[in-house]
């Protein structure tokens, strides 16, 4: 079952999101055999991506394939990490720098967090989704 939670991203500020993927018994699930991705889109099912964050980096302004289009940003998802960088089973820490968030369009969009298995069966699970509001600073 996908959890739902709405977020706010302050444009021009560093963005940090920490979450923990747990079992029904509230025990952290080891994420060593997963890749994670955090993505923001204008609408559900959109083929363009406003922001994509994975374990290998960040891309924004993508029109189609996030590995070949758009612009490189700074940040990543760290797996099995606590918010302070120490090890924690099931922890995911999403980081995007302030220069990258400056490039994002203001507005109300949709996001999700997906886990993909890296060994054995090829499966993808959406574990978190919701609306995200990107707000500009006061100039």
N, C-alpha and C. Protein backbone atom coordinates (compact mmCIF):
# COMPACT_ATOMS: atom_id res chain seq x y z
N UNK A 1 0.84 -1.17 0.00
CA UNK A 1 0.00 0.00 0.00
C UNK A 1 0.89 1.24 0.00
N UNK A 2 0.56 2.19 -0.85
CA UNK A 2 1.33 3.42 -0.97
C UNK A 2 0.89 4.44 0.08
N UNK A 3 1.86 4.96 0.83
CA UNK A 3 1.56 6.02 1.81
C UNK A 3 1.37 7.34 1.06
N UNK A 4 0.55 8.21 1.61
CA UNK A 4 0.30 9.51 1.00
C UNK A 4 0.66 10.61 1.98
N UNK A 5 1.41 11.61 1.46
CA UNK A 5 1.84 12.73 2.30
C UNK A 5 2.17 13.90 1.39
N UNK A 6 1.66 15.09 1.70
CA UNK A 6 1.94 16.28 0.91
C UNK A 6 3.18 17.00 1.44
N UNK A 7 3.96 17.58 0.51
CA UNK A 7 5.24 18.21 0.85
C UNK A 7 5.29 19.65 0.33
N UNK A 8 6.22 20.42 0.87
CA UNK A 8 6.53 21.76 0.37
C UNK A 8 8.03 21.84 0.13
N UNK A 9 8.42 22.41 -1.00
CA UNK A 9 9.82 22.64 -1.34
C UNK A 9 9.99 24.14 -1.52
N UNK A 10 10.87 24.75 -0.75
CA UNK A 10 11.14 26.18 -0.85
C UNK A 10 12.21 26.42 -1.91
N UNK A 11 11.78 27.03 -3.00
CA UNK A 11 12.67 27.29 -4.13
C UNK A 11 13.85 28.16 -3.67
N UNK A 12 15.06 27.78 -4.09
CA UNK A 12 16.25 28.53 -3.72
C UNK A 12 16.87 28.10 -2.40
N UNK A 13 16.26 27.11 -1.73
CA UNK A 13 16.80 26.56 -0.48
C UNK A 13 17.21 25.12 -0.71
N UNK A 14 18.15 24.64 0.08
CA UNK A 14 18.48 23.21 0.04
C UNK A 14 17.24 22.43 0.46
N UNK A 15 17.04 21.28 -0.17
CA UNK A 15 15.88 20.45 0.16
C UNK A 15 16.37 19.13 0.73
N UNK A 16 15.89 18.80 1.90
CA UNK A 16 16.23 17.55 2.57
C UNK A 16 14.93 16.84 2.95
N UNK A 17 14.84 15.58 2.59
CA UNK A 17 13.69 14.75 2.96
C UNK A 17 14.23 13.44 3.49
N UNK A 18 13.87 13.11 4.70
CA UNK A 18 14.28 11.83 5.27
C UNK A 18 13.04 11.02 5.55
N UNK A 19 13.09 9.74 5.20
CA UNK A 19 11.98 8.84 5.50
C UNK A 19 12.53 7.47 5.80
N UNK A 20 11.72 6.66 6.45
CA UNK A 20 12.13 5.30 6.76
C UNK A 20 11.06 4.33 6.28
N UNK A 21 11.50 3.34 5.51
CA UNK A 21 10.63 2.29 4.99
C UNK A 21 10.64 1.15 5.99
N UNK A 22 9.47 0.86 6.56
CA UNK A 22 9.39 -0.14 7.63
C UNK A 22 8.38 -1.23 7.31
N UNK A 23 8.52 -2.34 8.02
CA UNK A 23 7.56 -3.43 7.93
C UNK A 23 6.33 -3.06 8.77
N UNK A 24 5.32 -3.91 8.73
CA UNK A 24 4.12 -3.68 9.55
C UNK A 24 4.47 -3.64 11.03
N UNK A 25 5.56 -4.29 11.42
CA UNK A 25 5.99 -4.30 12.81
C UNK A 25 6.86 -3.11 13.17
N UNK A 26 6.95 -2.12 12.26
CA UNK A 26 7.70 -0.90 12.47
C UNK A 26 9.21 -1.13 12.56
N UNK A 27 9.69 -2.18 11.88
CA UNK A 27 11.12 -2.48 11.81
C UNK A 27 11.63 -2.03 10.44
N UNK A 28 12.76 -1.33 10.43
CA UNK A 28 13.33 -0.87 9.17
C UNK A 28 13.67 -2.01 8.24
N UNK A 29 13.33 -1.86 6.95
CA UNK A 29 13.60 -2.88 5.93
C UNK A 29 14.94 -2.55 5.27
N UNK A 30 15.85 -3.51 5.22
CA UNK A 30 17.16 -3.31 4.60
C UNK A 30 16.98 -3.00 3.12
N UNK A 31 17.54 -1.89 2.66
CA UNK A 31 17.37 -1.43 1.29
C UNK A 31 18.59 -1.71 0.41
N UNK A 32 19.47 -2.60 0.86
CA UNK A 32 20.70 -2.89 0.11
C UNK A 32 20.42 -3.43 -1.29
N UNK A 33 19.32 -4.11 -1.51
CA UNK A 33 19.03 -4.68 -2.82
C UNK A 33 18.01 -3.86 -3.61
N UNK A 34 17.93 -2.55 -3.30
CA UNK A 34 16.99 -1.66 -3.98
C UNK A 34 17.70 -0.41 -4.50
N UNK A 35 17.16 0.14 -5.57
CA UNK A 35 17.47 1.48 -6.02
C UNK A 35 16.24 2.32 -5.74
N UNK A 36 16.43 3.58 -5.40
CA UNK A 36 15.30 4.46 -5.11
C UNK A 36 15.29 5.63 -6.07
N UNK A 37 14.10 6.18 -6.29
CA UNK A 37 13.98 7.41 -7.06
C UNK A 37 12.86 8.26 -6.50
N UNK A 38 13.10 9.56 -6.50
CA UNK A 38 12.14 10.58 -6.09
C UNK A 38 11.91 11.42 -7.32
N UNK A 39 10.65 11.59 -7.73
CA UNK A 39 10.41 12.38 -8.92
C UNK A 39 9.20 13.29 -8.74
N UNK A 40 9.28 14.47 -9.38
CA UNK A 40 8.20 15.44 -9.38
C UNK A 40 7.74 15.63 -10.82
N UNK A 41 6.42 15.58 -11.00
CA UNK A 41 5.83 15.78 -12.33
C UNK A 41 4.64 16.73 -12.24
N UNK A 42 4.28 17.33 -13.38
CA UNK A 42 3.15 18.26 -13.39
C UNK A 42 1.83 17.55 -13.12
N UNK A 43 1.70 16.34 -13.64
CA UNK A 43 0.49 15.57 -13.43
C UNK A 43 0.84 14.09 -13.46
N UNK A 44 -0.03 13.29 -12.88
CA UNK A 44 0.19 11.84 -12.85
C UNK A 44 0.28 11.31 -14.29
N UNK A 45 1.26 10.48 -14.54
CA UNK A 45 1.41 9.90 -15.87
C UNK A 45 2.15 10.77 -16.86
N UNK A 46 2.59 11.96 -16.45
CA UNK A 46 3.33 12.86 -17.33
C UNK A 46 4.64 12.18 -17.74
N UNK A 47 5.02 12.32 -19.02
CA UNK A 47 6.30 11.75 -19.48
C UNK A 47 7.45 12.71 -19.24
N UNK A 48 7.15 13.97 -18.93
CA UNK A 48 8.19 14.96 -18.59
C UNK A 48 8.36 14.99 -17.08
N UNK A 49 9.57 15.24 -16.63
CA UNK A 49 9.88 15.22 -15.19
C UNK A 49 10.47 16.56 -14.78
N UNK A 50 9.83 17.20 -13.79
CA UNK A 50 10.33 18.47 -13.28
C UNK A 50 11.64 18.24 -12.52
N UNK A 51 11.66 17.21 -11.67
CA UNK A 51 12.85 16.89 -10.88
C UNK A 51 12.93 15.38 -10.69
N UNK A 52 14.12 14.83 -10.90
CA UNK A 52 14.37 13.41 -10.68
C UNK A 52 15.59 13.31 -9.77
N UNK A 53 15.44 12.58 -8.67
CA UNK A 53 16.56 12.35 -7.75
C UNK A 53 16.73 10.84 -7.60
N UNK A 54 17.95 10.36 -7.86
CA UNK A 54 18.27 8.95 -7.69
C UNK A 54 19.55 8.80 -6.90
N UNK A 55 20.00 7.58 -6.76
CA UNK A 55 21.23 7.33 -6.00
C UNK A 55 22.47 7.85 -6.70
N UNK A 56 22.37 8.06 -8.02
CA UNK A 56 23.53 8.53 -8.77
C UNK A 56 23.47 10.02 -9.09
N UNK A 57 22.42 10.71 -8.65
CA UNK A 57 22.39 12.15 -8.88
C UNK A 57 21.00 12.71 -9.14
N UNK A 58 21.01 13.95 -9.67
CA UNK A 58 19.80 14.74 -9.85
C UNK A 58 19.73 15.24 -11.28
N UNK A 59 18.51 15.24 -11.85
CA UNK A 59 18.28 15.87 -13.14
C UNK A 59 16.98 16.67 -13.03
N UNK A 60 16.90 17.77 -13.75
CA UNK A 60 15.67 18.56 -13.75
C UNK A 60 15.36 19.03 -15.16
N UNK A 61 14.10 19.37 -15.41
CA UNK A 61 13.67 19.84 -16.72
C UNK A 61 13.74 18.76 -17.79
N UNK A 62 13.44 17.52 -17.43
CA UNK A 62 13.56 16.40 -18.35
C UNK A 62 12.33 16.29 -19.25
N UNK A 63 12.57 16.06 -20.52
CA UNK A 63 11.49 15.82 -21.48
C UNK A 63 11.65 14.40 -22.00
N UNK A 64 11.10 13.46 -21.29
CA UNK A 64 11.25 12.05 -21.65
C UNK A 64 12.20 11.36 -20.70
N UNK A 65 13.15 10.63 -21.25
CA UNK A 65 14.08 9.81 -20.48
C UNK A 65 14.94 10.67 -19.55
N UNK A 66 14.84 10.41 -18.25
CA UNK A 66 15.58 11.21 -17.27
C UNK A 66 17.09 11.00 -17.34
N UNK A 67 17.54 9.95 -18.01
CA UNK A 67 18.99 9.72 -18.10
C UNK A 67 19.62 10.44 -19.28
N UNK A 68 18.81 10.92 -20.23
CA UNK A 68 19.38 11.52 -21.43
C UNK A 68 18.89 12.94 -21.71
N UNK A 69 17.89 13.43 -20.98
CA UNK A 69 17.38 14.78 -21.23
C UNK A 69 17.46 15.62 -19.96
N UNK A 70 17.24 16.90 -20.12
CA UNK A 70 17.23 17.79 -18.96
C UNK A 70 18.63 18.24 -18.58
N UNK A 71 18.75 18.71 -17.35
CA UNK A 71 19.99 19.30 -16.85
C UNK A 71 20.43 18.60 -15.58
N UNK A 72 21.74 18.51 -15.38
CA UNK A 72 22.26 17.88 -14.17
C UNK A 72 22.16 18.86 -13.01
N UNK A 73 21.72 18.37 -11.87
CA UNK A 73 21.69 19.14 -10.64
C UNK A 73 22.62 18.50 -9.62
N UNK A 74 22.53 18.97 -8.38
CA UNK A 74 23.38 18.43 -7.33
C UNK A 74 22.50 17.85 -6.23
N UNK A 75 22.78 16.60 -5.87
CA UNK A 75 22.04 15.92 -4.82
C UNK A 75 21.99 14.43 -5.11
N UNK A 76 21.26 13.70 -4.26
CA UNK A 76 21.12 12.26 -4.44
C UNK A 76 20.22 11.69 -3.36
N UNK A 77 19.90 10.41 -3.50
CA UNK A 77 19.24 9.65 -2.44
C UNK A 77 20.29 8.73 -1.83
N UNK A 78 20.40 8.75 -0.52
CA UNK A 78 21.28 7.82 0.19
C UNK A 78 20.40 6.77 0.85
N UNK A 79 20.78 5.51 0.68
CA UNK A 79 19.97 4.40 1.19
C UNK A 79 20.55 3.86 2.50
N UNK A 80 19.65 3.34 3.34
CA UNK A 80 20.01 2.80 4.65
C UNK A 80 20.78 3.83 5.47
N UNK A 81 20.31 5.07 5.42
CA UNK A 81 20.95 6.18 6.14
C UNK A 81 19.95 6.89 7.03
N UNK A 82 20.43 7.38 8.14
CA UNK A 82 19.65 8.22 9.02
C UNK A 82 19.78 9.66 8.53
N UNK A 83 19.01 10.58 9.07
CA UNK A 83 19.08 11.99 8.66
C UNK A 83 20.43 12.62 8.96
N UNK A 84 21.21 12.04 9.86
CA UNK A 84 22.54 12.59 10.17
C UNK A 84 23.66 11.87 9.41
N UNK A 85 23.29 10.96 8.49
CA UNK A 85 24.28 10.27 7.67
C UNK A 85 24.75 8.94 8.23
N UNK A 86 24.38 8.63 9.47
CA UNK A 86 24.76 7.33 10.04
C UNK A 86 23.88 6.23 9.46
N UNK A 87 24.29 5.00 9.62
CA UNK A 87 23.54 3.88 9.09
C UNK A 87 22.24 3.63 9.83
N UNK A 88 21.19 3.33 9.08
CA UNK A 88 19.89 2.98 9.65
C UNK A 88 19.13 2.16 8.63
N UNK A 89 18.80 0.94 8.98
CA UNK A 89 18.08 0.06 8.07
C UNK A 89 16.73 0.68 7.69
N UNK A 90 16.50 0.77 6.37
CA UNK A 90 15.24 1.31 5.87
C UNK A 90 15.24 2.81 5.67
N UNK A 91 16.30 3.51 6.12
CA UNK A 91 16.33 4.96 5.99
C UNK A 91 16.67 5.41 4.58
N UNK A 92 16.00 6.45 4.12
CA UNK A 92 16.28 7.07 2.83
C UNK A 92 16.41 8.57 3.05
N UNK A 93 17.49 9.14 2.55
CA UNK A 93 17.75 10.56 2.72
C UNK A 93 17.88 11.20 1.34
N UNK A 94 16.92 12.06 0.99
CA UNK A 94 16.90 12.75 -0.29
C UNK A 94 17.46 14.15 -0.07
N UNK A 95 18.47 14.52 -0.87
CA UNK A 95 19.09 15.85 -0.75
C UNK A 95 19.18 16.49 -2.14
N UNK A 96 18.80 17.78 -2.21
CA UNK A 96 18.93 18.56 -3.43
C UNK A 96 19.47 19.93 -3.03
N UNK A 97 20.48 20.42 -3.73
CA UNK A 97 21.09 21.69 -3.34
C UNK A 97 20.23 22.89 -3.74
N UNK A 98 20.56 24.05 -3.17
CA UNK A 98 19.77 25.27 -3.37
C UNK A 98 19.84 25.79 -4.81
N UNK A 99 20.97 25.61 -5.48
CA UNK A 99 21.08 26.06 -6.87
C UNK A 99 20.11 25.28 -7.76
N UNK A 100 20.00 23.99 -7.54
CA UNK A 100 19.08 23.16 -8.32
C UNK A 100 17.63 23.55 -8.04
N UNK A 101 17.26 23.75 -6.78
CA UNK A 101 15.85 24.09 -6.49
C UNK A 101 15.47 25.44 -7.08
N UNK A 102 16.43 26.34 -7.28
CA UNK A 102 16.16 27.63 -7.91
C UNK A 102 15.64 27.45 -9.33
N UNK A 103 16.05 26.38 -10.00
CA UNK A 103 15.69 26.13 -11.40
C UNK A 103 14.29 25.53 -11.56
N UNK A 104 13.65 25.14 -10.47
CA UNK A 104 12.36 24.45 -10.55
C UNK A 104 11.21 25.45 -10.68
N UNK A 105 10.16 25.08 -11.43
CA UNK A 105 9.03 25.99 -11.60
C UNK A 105 8.15 26.03 -10.35
N UNK A 106 7.66 27.24 -10.02
CA UNK A 106 6.71 27.39 -8.92
C UNK A 106 5.43 26.64 -9.27
N UNK A 107 4.73 26.17 -8.25
CA UNK A 107 3.42 25.58 -8.51
C UNK A 107 3.12 24.39 -7.63
N UNK A 108 1.97 23.81 -7.90
CA UNK A 108 1.50 22.61 -7.21
C UNK A 108 1.63 21.44 -8.15
N UNK A 109 2.45 20.46 -7.80
CA UNK A 109 2.76 19.34 -8.67
C UNK A 109 2.52 18.03 -7.91
N UNK A 110 2.92 16.94 -8.51
CA UNK A 110 2.80 15.61 -7.90
C UNK A 110 4.18 14.98 -7.79
N UNK A 111 4.37 14.15 -6.77
CA UNK A 111 5.65 13.47 -6.59
C UNK A 111 5.38 12.03 -6.18
N UNK A 112 6.41 11.21 -6.32
CA UNK A 112 6.39 9.88 -5.71
C UNK A 112 7.80 9.43 -5.40
N UNK A 113 7.88 8.42 -4.54
CA UNK A 113 9.13 7.75 -4.20
C UNK A 113 8.93 6.29 -4.56
N UNK A 114 9.84 5.77 -5.39
CA UNK A 114 9.75 4.38 -5.83
C UNK A 114 11.00 3.61 -5.44
N UNK A 115 10.80 2.34 -5.12
CA UNK A 115 11.90 1.41 -4.89
C UNK A 115 11.89 0.36 -5.99
N UNK A 116 13.08 0.11 -6.57
CA UNK A 116 13.23 -0.91 -7.62
C UNK A 116 14.23 -1.94 -7.14
N UNK A 117 13.88 -3.21 -7.29
CA UNK A 117 14.81 -4.26 -6.89
C UNK A 117 16.00 -4.28 -7.84
N UNK A 118 17.18 -4.57 -7.29
CA UNK A 118 18.40 -4.61 -8.10
C UNK A 118 18.88 -6.04 -8.33
N UNK A 119 18.24 -7.00 -7.70
CA UNK A 119 18.62 -8.40 -7.91
C UNK A 119 17.37 -9.26 -7.89
N UNK A 120 17.46 -10.39 -8.54
CA UNK A 120 16.31 -11.30 -8.57
C UNK A 120 15.23 -10.78 -9.50
N UNK A 121 14.00 -10.80 -9.03
CA UNK A 121 12.88 -10.36 -9.86
C UNK A 121 12.92 -8.85 -10.05
N UNK A 122 12.53 -8.42 -11.23
CA UNK A 122 12.50 -7.00 -11.55
C UNK A 122 11.15 -6.43 -11.13
N UNK A 123 11.13 -5.71 -10.02
CA UNK A 123 9.86 -5.13 -9.57
C UNK A 123 10.08 -3.71 -9.07
N UNK A 124 9.05 -2.91 -9.20
CA UNK A 124 9.06 -1.53 -8.73
C UNK A 124 7.87 -1.33 -7.82
N UNK A 125 8.11 -0.71 -6.66
CA UNK A 125 7.04 -0.41 -5.72
C UNK A 125 7.04 1.08 -5.42
N UNK A 126 5.88 1.70 -5.59
CA UNK A 126 5.72 3.10 -5.18
C UNK A 126 5.39 3.07 -3.70
N UNK A 127 6.26 3.66 -2.87
CA UNK A 127 6.05 3.58 -1.43
C UNK A 127 5.50 4.87 -0.82
N UNK A 128 5.62 5.99 -1.56
CA UNK A 128 5.12 7.26 -1.04
C UNK A 128 4.74 8.13 -2.22
N UNK A 129 3.62 8.86 -2.07
CA UNK A 129 3.19 9.77 -3.12
C UNK A 129 2.37 10.90 -2.52
N UNK A 130 2.22 11.96 -3.28
CA UNK A 130 1.39 13.07 -2.83
C UNK A 130 1.59 14.29 -3.69
N UNK A 131 1.11 15.40 -3.20
CA UNK A 131 1.28 16.68 -3.86
C UNK A 131 2.49 17.38 -3.26
N UNK A 132 3.17 18.15 -4.09
CA UNK A 132 4.29 18.95 -3.61
C UNK A 132 4.12 20.37 -4.13
N UNK A 133 4.24 21.30 -3.24
CA UNK A 133 4.14 22.71 -3.60
C UNK A 133 5.55 23.30 -3.61
N UNK A 134 5.92 23.85 -4.77
CA UNK A 134 7.21 24.54 -4.89
C UNK A 134 6.93 26.03 -4.77
N UNK A 135 7.47 26.64 -3.72
CA UNK A 135 7.16 28.04 -3.42
C UNK A 135 8.38 28.93 -3.65
N UNK A 136 8.16 30.10 -4.25
CA UNK A 136 9.27 31.03 -4.46
C UNK A 136 9.57 31.81 -3.18
N UNK A 137 10.77 32.34 -3.11
CA UNK A 137 11.12 33.22 -2.00
C UNK A 137 10.56 34.61 -2.24
N UNK A 138 10.63 35.46 -1.25
CA UNK A 138 10.19 36.84 -1.36
C UNK A 138 11.38 37.67 -1.81
N UNK A 139 11.25 38.33 -2.93
CA UNK A 139 12.35 39.15 -3.45
C UNK A 139 12.09 40.62 -3.22
